[in-house]
Amino acid sequence: MKTARDPRHQKRREIVKELFAESYTPQPSKNEAVAAILAKKDTIDAEIQKAATAWPIDKLNRIDLAILRLAIYELEVGEAPPKVVIDEAVELAKEFGSENSSSFINGVLGTIYKKEEQAQ
C-alpha cells in the first residue's frame, strides 16, 4: 500500500465494508466485486477453513472474515501480485480489525499462498 489515499486501497475498503454489512443482513444493492465474491463464498470459506482449522467460519470475527474473503478472491483472480494482496489485507486488518487481526489474516493468507505455490 503506497498511501491510504491510493484509489485501489479505497476500493478495497469499500468492498470490505459491503462484505461486512452483508454478513449481518442481505444488502439491496451490491458492488460488482462484492457480488462476485459472494457467488464464490462457499469455495472461499472452504479455503479459509482449511487454512484456519482451529477457527470455524461462524466463530471468526466478521470483519476478519470480510477481509479474508476479499483477499482470497483477489488471489484467485490474479490481477495483483499475491504479496501485494496479502499486504493490503494486513493493512485493512490493522485499520478495521482487532489487535490480533493483522497477524491472524497474515497467517491464514500466508498458509493459502504457500499451498498454492506448492501446487504449481
PDB file of N, CA and C in Angstrom:
ATOM      1  N   MET A   1       0.845  -1.175   0.000  1.00  0.00           N
ATOM      2  CA  MET A   1       0.000   0.000   0.000  1.00  0.00           C
ATOM      3  C   MET A   1       0.888   1.235   0.000  1.00  0.00           C
ATOM      4  N   LYS A   2       0.735   2.055  -0.995  1.00  0.00           N
ATOM      5  CA  LYS A   2       1.518   3.286  -1.074  1.00  0.00           C
ATOM      6  C   LYS A   2       1.020   4.287  -0.032  1.00  0.00           C
ATOM      7  N   THR A   3      -0.272   4.623  -0.091  1.00  0.00           N
ATOM      8  CA  THR A   3      -0.870   5.542   0.872  1.00  0.00           C
ATOM      9  C   THR A   3      -2.311   5.121   1.105  1.00  0.00           C
ATOM     10  N   ALA A   4      -2.881   5.664   2.163  1.00  0.00           N
ATOM     11  CA  ALA A   4      -4.285   5.374   2.452  1.00  0.00           C
ATOM     12  C   ALA A   4      -5.205   6.002   1.412  1.00  0.00           C
ATOM     13  N   ARG A   5      -4.692   6.946   0.642  1.00  0.00           N
ATOM     14  CA  ARG A   5      -5.498   7.609  -0.393  1.00  0.00           C
ATOM     15  C   ARG A   5      -5.408   6.907  -1.746  1.00  0.00           C
ATOM     16  N   ASP A   6      -4.627   5.881  -1.839  1.00  0.00           N
ATOM     17  CA  ASP A   6      -4.500   5.116  -3.077  1.00  0.00           C
ATOM     18  C   ASP A   6      -5.896   4.646  -3.497  1.00  0.00           C
ATOM     19  N   PRO A   7      -6.308   4.914  -4.739  1.00  0.00           N
ATOM     20  CA  PRO A   7      -7.657   4.527  -5.181  1.00  0.00           C
ATOM     21  C   PRO A   7      -7.929   3.029  -5.043  1.00  0.00           C
ATOM     22  N   ARG A   8      -6.903   2.203  -5.249  1.00  0.00           N
ATOM     23  CA  ARG A   8      -7.102   0.752  -5.104  1.00  0.00           C
ATOM     24  C   ARG A   8      -7.384   0.398  -3.649  1.00  0.00           C
ATOM     25  N   HIS A   9      -6.687   1.062  -2.743  1.00  0.00           N
ATOM     26  CA  HIS A   9      -6.927   0.825  -1.316  1.00  0.00           C
ATOM     27  C   HIS A   9      -8.337   1.293  -0.934  1.00  0.00           C
ATOM     28  N   GLN A  10      -8.737   2.446  -1.442  1.00  0.00           N
ATOM     29  CA  GLN A  10     -10.079   2.965  -1.159  1.00  0.00           C
ATOM     30  C   GLN A  10     -11.155   1.999  -1.664  1.00  0.00           C
ATOM     31  N   LYS A  11     -10.928   1.440  -2.841  1.00  0.00           N
ATOM     32  CA  LYS A  11     -11.885   0.486  -3.407  1.00  0.00           C
ATOM     33  C   LYS A  11     -11.976  -0.760  -2.520  1.00  0.00           C
ATOM     34  N   ARG A  12     -10.826  -1.244  -2.060  1.00  0.00           N
ATOM     35  CA  ARG A  12     -10.823  -2.417  -1.170  1.00  0.00           C
ATOM     36  C   ARG A  12     -11.545  -2.113   0.142  1.00  0.00           C
ATOM     37  N   ARG A  13     -11.352  -0.904   0.667  1.00  0.00           N
ATOM     38  CA  ARG A  13     -12.044  -0.514   1.908  1.00  0.00           C
ATOM     39  C   ARG A  13     -13.558  -0.593   1.716  1.00  0.00           C
ATOM     40  N   GLU A  14     -14.042  -0.078   0.602  1.00  0.00           N
ATOM     41  CA  GLU A  14     -15.478  -0.090   0.331  1.00  0.00           C
ATOM     42  C   GLU A  14     -16.004  -1.519   0.176  1.00  0.00           C
ATOM     43  N   ILE A  15     -15.237  -2.365  -0.484  1.00  0.00           N
ATOM     44  CA  ILE A  15     -15.646  -3.766  -0.659  1.00  0.00           C
ATOM     45  C   ILE A  15     -15.718  -4.459   0.701  1.00  0.00           C
ATOM     46  N   VAL A  16     -14.736  -4.244   1.551  1.00  0.00           N
ATOM     47  CA  VAL A  16     -14.738  -4.856   2.884  1.00  0.00           C
ATOM     48  C   VAL A  16     -15.951  -4.369   3.679  1.00  0.00           C
ATOM     49  N   LYS A  17     -16.246  -3.083   3.599  1.00  0.00           N
ATOM     50  CA  LYS A  17     -17.414  -2.553   4.307  1.00  0.00           C
ATOM     51  C   LYS A  17     -18.699  -3.228   3.831  1.00  0.00           C
ATOM     52  N   GLU A  18     -18.827  -3.395   2.520  1.00  0.00           N
ATOM     53  CA  GLU A  18     -20.026  -4.039   1.979  1.00  0.00           C
ATOM     54  C   GLU A  18     -20.105  -5.508   2.382  1.00  0.00           C
ATOM     55  N   LEU A  19     -18.976  -6.207   2.335  1.00  0.00           N
ATOM     56  CA  LEU A  19     -18.970  -7.621   2.753  1.00  0.00           C
ATOM     57  C   LEU A  19     -19.312  -7.744   4.228  1.00  0.00           C
ATOM     58  N   PHE A  20     -18.798  -6.835   5.034  1.00  0.00           N
ATOM     59  CA  PHE A  20     -19.097  -6.831   6.467  1.00  0.00           C
ATOM     60  C   PHE A  20     -20.593  -6.625   6.693  1.00  0.00           C
ATOM     61  N   ALA A  21     -21.180  -5.638   6.020  1.00  0.00           N
ATOM     62  CA  ALA A  21     -22.615  -5.379   6.153  1.00  0.00           C
ATOM     63  C   ALA A  21     -23.430  -6.585   5.704  1.00  0.00           C
ATOM     64  N   GLU A  22     -22.984  -7.212   4.620  1.00  0.00           N
ATOM     65  CA  GLU A  22     -23.666  -8.390   4.082  1.00  0.00           C
ATOM     66  C   GLU A  22     -23.653  -9.554   5.076  1.00  0.00           C
ATOM     67  N   SER A  23     -22.644  -9.615   5.934  1.00  0.00           N
ATOM     68  CA  SER A  23     -22.564 -10.709   6.908  1.00  0.00           C
ATOM     69  C   SER A  23     -23.651 -10.602   7.977  1.00  0.00           C
ATOM     70  N   TYR A  24     -24.263  -9.429   8.105  1.00  0.00           N
ATOM     71  CA  TYR A  24     -25.354  -9.246   9.060  1.00  0.00           C
ATOM     72  C   TYR A  24     -26.718  -9.380   8.405  1.00  0.00           C
ATOM     73  N   THR A  25     -26.853  -8.792   7.231  1.00  0.00           N
ATOM     74  CA  THR A  25     -28.135  -8.838   6.542  1.00  0.00           C
ATOM     75  C   THR A  25     -27.913  -8.615   5.042  1.00  0.00           C
ATOM     76  N   PRO A  26     -28.680  -9.296   4.197  1.00  0.00           N
ATOM     77  CA  PRO A  26     -28.513  -9.102   2.755  1.00  0.00           C
ATOM     78  C   PRO A  26     -28.716  -7.633   2.375  1.00  0.00           C
ATOM     79  N   GLN A  27     -27.819  -7.140   1.560  1.00  0.00           N
ATOM     80  CA  GLN A  27     -27.867  -5.745   1.122  1.00  0.00           C
ATOM     81  C   GLN A  27     -28.638  -5.639  -0.188  1.00  0.00           C
ATOM     82  N   PRO A  28     -29.447  -4.584  -0.334  1.00  0.00           N
ATOM     83  CA  PRO A  28     -30.262  -4.450  -1.543  1.00  0.00           C
ATOM     84  C   PRO A  28     -29.448  -4.253  -2.821  1.00  0.00           C
ATOM     85  N   SER A  29     -28.384  -3.491  -2.745  1.00  0.00           N
ATOM     86  CA  SER A  29     -27.549  -3.304  -3.927  1.00  0.00           C
ATOM     87  C   SER A  29     -26.119  -3.672  -3.580  1.00  0.00           C
ATOM     88  N   LYS A  30     -25.462  -4.314  -4.533  1.00  0.00           N
ATOM     89  CA  LYS A  30     -24.113  -4.805  -4.291  1.00  0.00           C
ATOM     90  C   LYS A  30     -23.158  -4.300  -5.363  1.00  0.00           C
ATOM     91  N   ASN A  31     -21.966  -3.969  -4.932  1.00  0.00           N
ATOM     92  CA  ASN A  31     -20.853  -3.667  -5.827  1.00  0.00           C
ATOM     93  C   ASN A  31     -20.611  -4.915  -6.675  1.00  0.00           C
ATOM     94  N   GLU A  32     -20.140  -4.744  -7.894  1.00  0.00           N
ATOM     95  CA  GLU A  32     -19.884  -5.878  -8.791  1.00  0.00           C
ATOM     96  C   GLU A  32     -18.899  -6.875  -8.168  1.00  0.00           C
ATOM     97  N   ALA A  33     -17.845  -6.368  -7.535  1.00  0.00           N
ATOM     98  CA  ALA A  33     -16.851  -7.237  -6.899  1.00  0.00           C
ATOM     99  C   ALA A  33     -17.462  -7.985  -5.719  1.00  0.00           C
ATOM    100  N   VAL A  34     -18.301  -7.311  -4.945  1.00  0.00           N
ATOM    101  CA  VAL A  34     -18.947  -7.955  -3.797  1.00  0.00           C
ATOM    102  C   VAL A  34     -19.838  -9.096  -4.279  1.00  0.00           C
ATOM    103  N   ALA A  35     -20.591  -8.860  -5.323  1.00  0.00           N
ATOM    104  CA  ALA A  35     -21.455  -9.908  -5.877  1.00  0.00           C
ATOM    105  C   ALA A  35     -20.623 -11.107  -6.340  1.00  0.00           C
ATOM    106  N   ALA A  36     -19.481 -10.843  -6.975  1.00  0.00           N
ATOM    107  CA  ALA A  36     -18.607 -11.932  -7.438  1.00  0.00           C
ATOM    108  C   ALA A  36     -18.033 -12.709  -6.259  1.00  0.00           C
ATOM    109  N   ILE A  37     -17.647 -12.002  -5.208  1.00  0.00           N
ATOM    110  CA  ILE A  37     -17.101 -12.664  -4.013  1.00  0.00           C
ATOM    111  C   ILE A  37     -18.175 -13.516  -3.356  1.00  0.00           C
ATOM    112  N   LEU A  38     -19.380 -12.976  -3.224  1.00  0.00           N
ATOM    113  CA  LEU A  38     -20.463 -13.728  -2.590  1.00  0.00           C
ATOM    114  C   LEU A  38     -20.871 -14.939  -3.423  1.00  0.00           C
ATOM    115  N   ALA A  39     -20.729 -14.857  -4.740  1.00  0.00           N
ATOM    116  CA  ALA A  39     -21.036 -16.000  -5.602  1.00  0.00           C
ATOM    117  C   ALA A  39     -20.067 -17.151  -5.344  1.00  0.00           C
ATOM    118  N   LYS A  40     -18.845 -16.832  -4.906  1.00  0.00           N
ATOM    119  CA  LYS A  40     -17.831 -17.858  -4.630  1.00  0.00           C
ATOM    120  C   LYS A  40     -17.638 -18.082  -3.136  1.00  0.00           C
ATOM    121  N   LYS A  41     -18.556 -17.584  -2.335  1.00  0.00           N
ATOM    122  CA  LYS A  41     -18.409 -17.604  -0.874  1.00  0.00           C
ATOM    123  C   LYS A  41     -18.124 -18.997  -0.323  1.00  0.00           C
ATOM    124  N   ASP A  42     -18.837 -20.000  -0.781  1.00  0.00           N
ATOM    125  CA  ASP A  42     -18.648 -21.354  -0.246  1.00  0.00           C
ATOM    126  C   ASP A  42     -17.239 -21.876  -0.527  1.00  0.00           C
ATOM    127  N   THR A  43     -16.745 -21.647  -1.721  1.00  0.00           N
ATOM    128  CA  THR A  43     -15.386 -22.076  -2.081  1.00  0.00           C
ATOM    129  C   THR A  43     -14.346 -21.313  -1.274  1.00  0.00           C
ATOM    130  N   ILE A  44     -14.537 -20.007  -1.164  1.00  0.00           N
ATOM    131  CA  ILE A  44     -13.605 -19.168  -0.403  1.00  0.00           C
ATOM    132  C   ILE A  44     -13.604 -19.576   1.066  1.00  0.00           C
ATOM    133  N   ASP A  45     -14.797 -19.785   1.628  1.00  0.00           N
ATOM    134  CA  ASP A  45     -14.890 -20.185   3.043  1.00  0.00           C
ATOM    135  C   ASP A  45     -14.236 -21.539   3.289  1.00  0.00           C
ATOM    136  N   ALA A  46     -14.327 -22.434   2.309  1.00  0.00           N
ATOM    137  CA  ALA A  46     -13.673 -23.743   2.453  1.00  0.00           C
ATOM    138  C   ALA A  46     -12.157 -23.569   2.518  1.00  0.00           C
ATOM    139  N   GLU A  47     -11.614 -22.657   1.726  1.00  0.00           N
ATOM    140  CA  GLU A  47     -10.169 -22.389   1.780  1.00  0.00           C
ATOM    141  C   GLU A  47      -9.771 -21.796   3.127  1.00  0.00           C
ATOM    142  N   ILE A  48     -10.593 -20.887   3.637  1.00  0.00           N
ATOM    143  CA  ILE A  48     -10.313 -20.294   4.947  1.00  0.00           C
ATOM    144  C   ILE A  48     -10.319 -21.390   6.007  1.00  0.00           C
ATOM    145  N   GLN A  49     -11.305 -22.278   5.929  1.00  0.00           N
ATOM    146  CA  GLN A  49     -11.422 -23.345   6.925  1.00  0.00           C
ATOM    147  C   GLN A  49     -10.218 -24.281   6.890  1.00  0.00           C
ATOM    148  N   LYS A  50      -9.707 -24.577   5.696  1.00  0.00           N
ATOM    149  CA  LYS A  50      -8.523 -25.441   5.584  1.00  0.00           C
ATOM    150  C   LYS A  50      -7.291 -24.777   6.175  1.00  0.00           C
ATOM    151  N   ALA A  51      -7.186 -23.460   6.002  1.00  0.00           N
ATOM    152  CA  ALA A  51      -6.007 -22.737   6.478  1.00  0.00           C
ATOM    153  C   ALA A  51      -6.096 -22.368   7.956  1.00  0.00           C
ATOM    154  N   ALA A  52      -7.300 -22.247   8.484  1.00  0.00           N
ATOM    155  CA  ALA A  52      -7.501 -21.875   9.893  1.00  0.00           C
ATOM    156  C   ALA A  52      -8.378 -22.924  10.564  1.00  0.00           C
ATOM    157  N   THR A  53      -7.837 -24.118  10.684  1.00  0.00           N
ATOM    158  CA  THR A  53      -8.627 -25.252  11.174  1.00  0.00           C
ATOM    159  C   THR A  53      -9.141 -25.068  12.605  1.00  0.00           C
ATOM    160  N   ALA A  54      -8.457 -24.273  13.397  1.00  0.00           N
ATOM    161  CA  ALA A  54      -8.880 -24.072  14.788  1.00  0.00           C
ATOM    162  C   ALA A  54     -10.050 -23.093  14.907  1.00  0.00           C
ATOM    163  N   TRP A  55     -10.384 -22.415  13.818  1.00  0.00           N
ATOM    164  CA  TRP A  55     -11.430 -21.398  13.858  1.00  0.00           C
ATOM    165  C   TRP A  55     -12.553 -21.720  12.879  1.00  0.00           C
ATOM    166  N   PRO A  56     -13.695 -22.206  13.373  1.00  0.00           N
ATOM    167  CA  PRO A  56     -14.841 -22.408  12.477  1.00  0.00           C
ATOM    168  C   PRO A  56     -15.274 -21.057  11.884  1.00  0.00           C
ATOM    169  N   ILE A  57     -15.759 -21.077  10.666  1.00  0.00           N
ATOM    170  CA  ILE A  57     -16.159 -19.853   9.965  1.00  0.00           C
ATOM    171  C   ILE A  57     -17.134 -19.027  10.795  1.00  0.00           C
ATOM    172  N   ASP A  58     -18.098 -19.690  11.434  1.00  0.00           N
ATOM    173  CA  ASP A  58     -19.110 -18.941  12.188  1.00  0.00           C
ATOM    174  C   ASP A  58     -18.561 -18.316  13.473  1.00  0.00           C
ATOM    175  N   LYS A  59     -17.339 -18.664  13.857  1.00  0.00           N
ATOM    176  CA  LYS A  59     -16.718 -18.093  15.065  1.00  0.00           C
ATOM    177  C   LYS A  59     -15.721 -16.980  14.743  1.00  0.00           C
ATOM    178  N   LEU A  60     -15.420 -16.791  13.466  1.00  0.00           N
ATOM    179  CA  LEU A  60     -14.469 -15.753  13.083  1.00  0.00           C
ATOM    180  C   LEU A  60     -15.089 -14.373  13.261  1.00  0.00           C
ATOM    181  N   ASN A  61     -14.238 -13.423  13.603  1.00  0.00           N
ATOM    182  CA  ASN A  61     -14.643 -12.024  13.651  1.00  0.00           C
ATOM    183  C   ASN A  61     -15.140 -11.659  12.252  1.00  0.00           C
ATOM    184  N   ARG A  62     -16.296 -11.036  12.144  1.00  0.00           N
ATOM    185  CA  ARG A  62     -16.899 -10.784  10.830  1.00  0.00           C
ATOM    186  C   ARG A  62     -16.075  -9.846   9.959  1.00  0.00           C
ATOM    187  N   ILE A  63     -15.381  -8.906  10.561  1.00  0.00           N
ATOM    188  CA  ILE A  63     -14.545  -8.021   9.743  1.00  0.00           C
ATOM    189  C   ILE A  63     -13.339  -8.789   9.210  1.00  0.00           C
ATOM    190  N   ASP A  64     -12.769  -9.680  10.035  1.00  0.00           N
ATOM    191  CA  ASP A  64     -11.669 -10.521   9.565  1.00  0.00           C
ATOM    192  C   ASP A  64     -12.129 -11.406   8.416  1.00  0.00           C
ATOM    193  N   LEU A  65     -13.321 -11.955   8.555  1.00  0.00           N
ATOM    194  CA  LEU A  65     -13.875 -12.817   7.505  1.00  0.00           C
ATOM    195  C   LEU A  65     -14.075 -12.033   6.204  1.00  0.00           C
ATOM    196  N   ALA A  66     -14.566 -10.805   6.307  1.00  0.00           N
ATOM    197  CA  ALA A  66     -14.763  -9.974   5.113  1.00  0.00           C
ATOM    198  C   ALA A  66     -13.426  -9.694   4.428  1.00  0.00           C
ATOM    199  N   ILE A  67     -12.406  -9.385   5.214  1.00  0.00           N
ATOM    200  CA  ILE A  67     -11.078  -9.102   4.658  1.00  0.00           C
ATOM    201  C   ILE A  67     -10.504 -10.349   4.005  1.00  0.00           C
ATOM    202  N   LEU A  68     -10.641 -11.494   4.668  1.00  0.00           N
ATOM    203  CA  LEU A  68     -10.131 -12.749   4.105  1.00  0.00           C
ATOM    204  C   LEU A  68     -10.846 -13.107   2.805  1.00  0.00           C
ATOM    205  N   ARG A  69     -12.154 -12.925   2.778  1.00  0.00           N
ATOM    206  CA  ARG A  69     -12.901 -13.245   1.556  1.00  0.00           C
ATOM    207  C   ARG A  69     -12.419 -12.392   0.387  1.00  0.00           C
ATOM    208  N   LEU A  70     -12.239 -11.109   0.632  1.00  0.00           N
ATOM    209  CA  LEU A  70     -11.743 -10.221  -0.424  1.00  0.00           C
ATOM    210  C   LEU A  70     -10.354 -10.652  -0.882  1.00  0.00           C
ATOM    211  N   ALA A  71      -9.465 -10.900   0.058  1.00  0.00           N
ATOM    212  CA  ALA A  71      -8.084 -11.239  -0.288  1.00  0.00           C
ATOM    213  C   ALA A  71      -8.005 -12.558  -1.051  1.00  0.00           C
ATOM    214  N   ILE A  72      -8.737 -13.553  -0.623  1.00  0.00           N
ATOM    215  CA  ILE A  72      -8.702 -14.851  -1.307  1.00  0.00           C
ATOM    216  C   ILE A  72      -9.287 -14.715  -2.710  1.00  0.00           C
ATOM    217  N   TYR A  73     -10.343 -13.943  -2.848  1.00  0.00           N
ATOM    218  CA  TYR A  73     -10.898 -13.680  -4.176  1.00  0.00           C
ATOM    219  C   TYR A  73      -9.852 -13.013  -5.064  1.00  0.00           C
ATOM    220  N   GLU A  74      -9.157 -12.015  -4.523  1.00  0.00           N
ATOM    221  CA  GLU A  74      -8.122 -11.328  -5.299  1.00  0.00           C
ATOM    222  C   GLU A  74      -6.973 -12.266  -5.666  1.00  0.00           C
ATOM    223  N   LEU A  75      -6.629 -13.175  -4.762  1.00  0.00           N
ATOM    224  CA  LEU A  75      -5.579 -14.152  -5.070  1.00  0.00           C
ATOM    225  C   LEU A  75      -6.014 -15.052  -6.225  1.00  0.00           C
ATOM    226  N   GLU A  76      -7.277 -15.449  -6.227  1.00  0.00           N
ATOM    227  CA  GLU A  76      -7.786 -16.324  -7.289  1.00  0.00           C
ATOM    228  C   GLU A  76      -7.865 -15.596  -8.628  1.00  0.00           C
ATOM    229  N   VAL A  77      -8.305 -14.347  -8.607  1.00  0.00           N
ATOM    230  CA  VAL A  77      -8.439 -13.575  -9.840  1.00  0.00           C
ATOM    231  C   VAL A  77      -7.061 -13.276 -10.423  1.00  0.00           C
ATOM    232  N   GLY A  78      -6.096 -13.003  -9.568  1.00  0.00           N
ATOM    233  CA  GLY A  78      -4.720 -12.819 -10.002  1.00  0.00           C
ATOM    234  C   GLY A  78      -4.398 -11.502 -10.675  1.00  0.00           C
ATOM    235  N   GLU A  79      -5.196 -10.470 -10.433  1.00  0.00           N
ATOM    236  CA  GLU A  79      -4.919  -9.169 -11.049  1.00  0.00           C
ATOM    237  C   GLU A  79      -3.765  -8.442 -10.364  1.00  0.00           C
ATOM    238  N   ALA A  80      -3.530  -8.747  -9.091  1.00  0.00           N
ATOM    239  CA  ALA A  80      -2.432  -8.126  -8.335  1.00  0.00           C
ATOM    240  C   ALA A  80      -1.502  -9.239  -7.849  1.00  0.00           C
ATOM    241  N   PRO A  81      -0.234  -8.930  -7.678  1.00  0.00           N
ATOM    242  CA  PRO A  81       0.695  -9.938  -7.157  1.00  0.00           C
ATOM    243  C   PRO A  81       0.256 -10.408  -5.761  1.00  0.00           C
ATOM    244  N   PRO A  82       0.431 -11.695  -5.459  1.00  0.00           N
ATOM    245  CA  PRO A  82      -0.013 -12.237  -4.172  1.00  0.00           C
ATOM    246  C   PRO A  82       0.510 -11.470  -2.953  1.00  0.00           C
ATOM    247  N   LYS A  83       1.754 -11.062  -2.992  1.00  0.00           N
ATOM    248  CA  LYS A  83       2.303 -10.353  -1.829  1.00  0.00           C
ATOM    249  C   LYS A  83       1.649  -8.989  -1.639  1.00  0.00           C
ATOM    250  N   VAL A  84       1.234  -8.359  -2.717  1.00  0.00           N
ATOM    251  CA  VAL A  84       0.517  -7.085  -2.627  1.00  0.00           C
ATOM    252  C   VAL A  84      -0.857  -7.320  -2.010  1.00  0.00           C
ATOM    253  N   VAL A  85      -1.534  -8.373  -2.442  1.00  0.00           N
ATOM    254  CA  VAL A  85      -2.856  -8.709  -1.911  1.00  0.00           C
ATOM    255  C   VAL A  85      -2.755  -8.972  -0.405  1.00  0.00           C
ATOM    256  N   ILE A  86      -1.769  -9.751  -0.001  1.00  0.00           N
ATOM    257  CA  ILE A  86      -1.600 -10.072   1.418  1.00  0.00           C
ATOM    258  C   ILE A  86      -1.277  -8.813   2.212  1.00  0.00           C
ATOM    259  N   ASP A  87      -0.383  -7.980   1.697  1.00  0.00           N
ATOM    260  CA  ASP A  87      -0.031  -6.735   2.388  1.00  0.00           C
ATOM    261  C   ASP A  87      -1.252  -5.834   2.536  1.00  0.00           C
ATOM    262  N   GLU A  88      -2.045  -5.713   1.502  1.00  0.00           N
ATOM    263  CA  GLU A  88      -3.264  -4.892   1.566  1.00  0.00           C
ATOM    264  C   GLU A  88      -4.239  -5.444   2.610  1.00  0.00           C
ATOM    265  N   ALA A  89      -4.388  -6.759   2.644  1.00  0.00           N
ATOM    266  CA  ALA A  89      -5.291  -7.374   3.619  1.00  0.00           C
ATOM    267  C   ALA A  89      -4.821  -7.101   5.043  1.00  0.00           C
ATOM    268  N   VAL A  90      -3.526  -7.188   5.260  1.00  0.00           N
ATOM    269  CA  VAL A  90      -2.970  -6.911   6.598  1.00  0.00           C
ATOM    270  C   VAL A  90      -3.217  -5.446   6.965  1.00  0.00           C
ATOM    271  N   GLU A  91      -3.038  -4.545   6.012  1.00  0.00           N
ATOM    272  CA  GLU A  91      -3.296  -3.119   6.274  1.00  0.00           C
ATOM    273  C   GLU A  91      -4.767  -2.878   6.596  1.00  0.00           C
ATOM    274  N   LEU A  92      -5.664  -3.534   5.878  1.00  0.00           N
ATOM    275  CA  LEU A  92      -7.096  -3.407   6.170  1.00  0.00           C
ATOM    276  C   LEU A  92      -7.418  -3.952   7.561  1.00  0.00           C
ATOM    277  N   ALA A  93      -6.753  -5.032   7.931  1.00  0.00           N
ATOM    278  CA  ALA A  93      -6.967  -5.619   9.263  1.00  0.00           C
ATOM    279  C   ALA A  93      -6.495  -4.664  10.360  1.00  0.00           C
ATOM    280  N   LYS A  94      -5.380  -4.005  10.114  1.00  0.00           N
ATOM    281  CA  LYS A  94      -4.887  -3.022  11.092  1.00  0.00           C
ATOM    282  C   LYS A  94      -5.872  -1.864  11.224  1.00  0.00           C
ATOM    283  N   GLU A  95      -6.489  -1.495  10.108  1.00  0.00           N
ATOM    284  CA  GLU A  95      -7.412  -0.371  10.091  1.00  0.00           C
ATOM    285  C   GLU A  95      -8.767  -0.705  10.718  1.00  0.00           C
ATOM    286  N   PHE A  96      -9.307  -1.875  10.379  1.00  0.00           N
ATOM    287  CA  PHE A  96     -10.665  -2.215  10.799  1.00  0.00           C
ATOM    288  C   PHE A  96     -10.756  -3.273  11.892  1.00  0.00           C
ATOM    289  N   GLY A  97      -9.771  -4.140  11.981  1.00  0.00           N
ATOM    290  CA  GLY A  97      -9.868  -5.293  12.860  1.00  0.00           C
ATOM    291  C   GLY A  97      -9.436  -5.044  14.296  1.00  0.00           C
ATOM    292  N   SER A  98      -9.332  -6.127  15.014  1.00  0.00           N
ATOM    293  CA  SER A  98      -8.898  -6.073  16.411  1.00  0.00           C
ATOM    294  C   SER A  98      -7.371  -6.063  16.473  1.00  0.00           C
ATOM    295  N   GLU A  99      -6.868  -6.103  17.677  1.00  0.00           N
ATOM    296  CA  GLU A  99      -5.418  -6.064  17.893  1.00  0.00           C
ATOM    297  C   GLU A  99      -4.698  -7.229  17.222  1.00  0.00           C
ATOM    298  N   ASN A 100      -5.341  -8.397  17.195  1.00  0.00           N
ATOM    299  CA  ASN A 100      -4.710  -9.593  16.643  1.00  0.00           C
ATOM    300  C   ASN A 100      -5.099  -9.886  15.193  1.00  0.00           C
ATOM    301  N   SER A 101      -5.978  -9.098  14.635  1.00  0.00           N
ATOM    302  CA  SER A 101      -6.490  -9.372  13.289  1.00  0.00           C
ATOM    303  C   SER A 101      -5.401  -9.425  12.229  1.00  0.00           C
ATOM    304  N   SER A 102      -4.485  -8.475  12.263  1.00  0.00           N
ATOM    305  CA  SER A 102      -3.477  -8.417  11.204  1.00  0.00           C
ATOM    306  C   SER A 102      -2.595  -9.657  11.192  1.00  0.00           C
ATOM    307  N   SER A 103      -2.187 -10.135  12.358  1.00  0.00           N
ATOM    308  CA  SER A 103      -1.338 -11.336  12.385  1.00  0.00           C
ATOM    309  C   SER A 103      -2.143 -12.578  12.005  1.00  0.00           C
ATOM    310  N   PHE A 104      -3.411 -12.645  12.413  1.00  0.00           N
ATOM    311  CA  PHE A 104      -4.262 -13.782  12.050  1.00  0.00           C
ATOM    312  C   PHE A 104      -4.445 -13.826  10.530  1.00  0.00           C
ATOM    313  N   ILE A 105      -4.788 -12.704   9.938  1.00  0.00           N
ATOM    314  CA  ILE A 105      -5.018 -12.643   8.494  1.00  0.00           C
ATOM    315  C   ILE A 105      -3.736 -12.938   7.733  1.00  0.00           C
ATOM    316  N   ASN A 106      -2.629 -12.398   8.194  1.00  0.00           N
ATOM    317  CA  ASN A 106      -1.342 -12.681   7.560  1.00  0.00           C
ATOM    318  C   ASN A 106      -1.045 -14.184   7.598  1.00  0.00           C
ATOM    319  N   GLY A 107      -1.309 -14.828   8.729  1.00  0.00           N
ATOM    320  CA  GLY A 107      -1.067 -16.263   8.854  1.00  0.00           C
ATOM    321  C   GLY A 107      -1.952 -17.093   7.940  1.00  0.00           C
ATOM    322  N   VAL A 108      -3.231 -16.778   7.897  1.00  0.00           N
ATOM    323  CA  VAL A 108      -4.169 -17.530   7.047  1.00  0.00           C
ATOM    324  C   VAL A 108      -3.805 -17.363   5.574  1.00  0.00           C
ATOM    325  N   LEU A 109      -3.588 -16.129   5.161  1.00  0.00           N
ATOM    326  CA  LEU A 109      -3.255 -15.883   3.747  1.00  0.00           C
ATOM    327  C   LEU A 109      -1.886 -16.442   3.390  1.00  0.00           C
ATOM    328  N   GLY A 110      -0.942 -16.394   4.320  1.00  0.00           N
ATOM    329  CA  GLY A 110       0.374 -16.989   4.083  1.00  0.00           C
ATOM    330  C   GLY A 110       0.269 -18.488   3.861  1.00  0.00           C
ATOM    331  N   THR A 111      -0.564 -19.144   4.663  1.00  0.00           N
ATOM    332  CA  THR A 111      -0.781 -20.585   4.519  1.00  0.00           C
ATOM    333  C   THR A 111      -1.399 -20.906   3.163  1.00  0.00           C
ATOM    334  N   ILE A 112      -2.405 -20.149   2.773  1.00  0.00           N
ATOM    335  CA  ILE A 112      -3.061 -20.368   1.481  1.00  0.00           C
ATOM    336  C   ILE A 112      -2.080 -20.120   0.334  1.00  0.00           C
ATOM    337  N   TYR A 113      -1.306 -19.061   0.426  1.00  0.00           N
ATOM    338  CA  TYR A 113      -0.333 -18.725  -0.614  1.00  0.00           C
ATOM    339  C   TYR A 113       0.721 -19.821  -0.759  1.00  0.00           C
ATOM    340  N   LYS A 114       1.222 -20.329   0.357  1.00  0.00           N
ATOM    341  CA  LYS A 114       2.232 -21.399   0.306  1.00  0.00           C
ATOM    342  C   LYS A 114       1.663 -22.664  -0.327  1.00  0.00           C
ATOM    343  N   LYS A 115       0.425 -22.999  -0.005  1.00  0.00           N
ATOM    344  CA  LYS A 115      -0.202 -24.182  -0.603  1.00  0.00           C
ATOM    345  C   LYS A 115      -0.357 -24.017  -2.108  1.00  0.00           C
ATOM    346  N   GLU A 116      -0.731 -22.815  -2.544  1.00  0.00           N
ATOM    347  CA  GLU A 116      -0.882 -22.561  -3.979  1.00  0.00           C
ATOM    348  C   GLU A 116       0.459 -22.627  -4.681  1.00  0.00           C
ATOM    349  N   GLU A 117       1.502 -22.100  -4.044  1.00  0.00           N
ATOM    350  CA  GLU A 117       2.844 -22.138  -4.620  1.00  0.00           C
ATOM    351  C   GLU A 117       3.327 -23.582  -4.788  1.00  0.00           C
ATOM    352  N   GLN A 118       3.055 -24.412  -3.787  1.00  0.00           N
ATOM    353  CA  GLN A 118       3.493 -25.816  -3.834  1.00  0.00           C
ATOM    354  C   GLN A 118       2.706 -26.598  -4.880  1.00  0.00           C
ATOM    355  N   ALA A 119       1.458 -26.198  -5.119  1.00  0.00           N
ATOM    356  CA  ALA A 119       0.620 -26.900  -6.091  1.00  0.00           C
ATOM    357  C   ALA A 119       1.077 -26.630  -7.534  1.00  0.00           C
ATOM    358  N   GLN A 120       1.800 -25.550  -7.746  1.00  0.00           N
ATOM    359  CA  GLN A 120       2.214 -25.200  -9.112  1.00  0.00           C
ATOM    360  C   GLN A 120       3.468 -25.873  -9.525  1.00  0.00           C
TER     361      GLN A 120
END
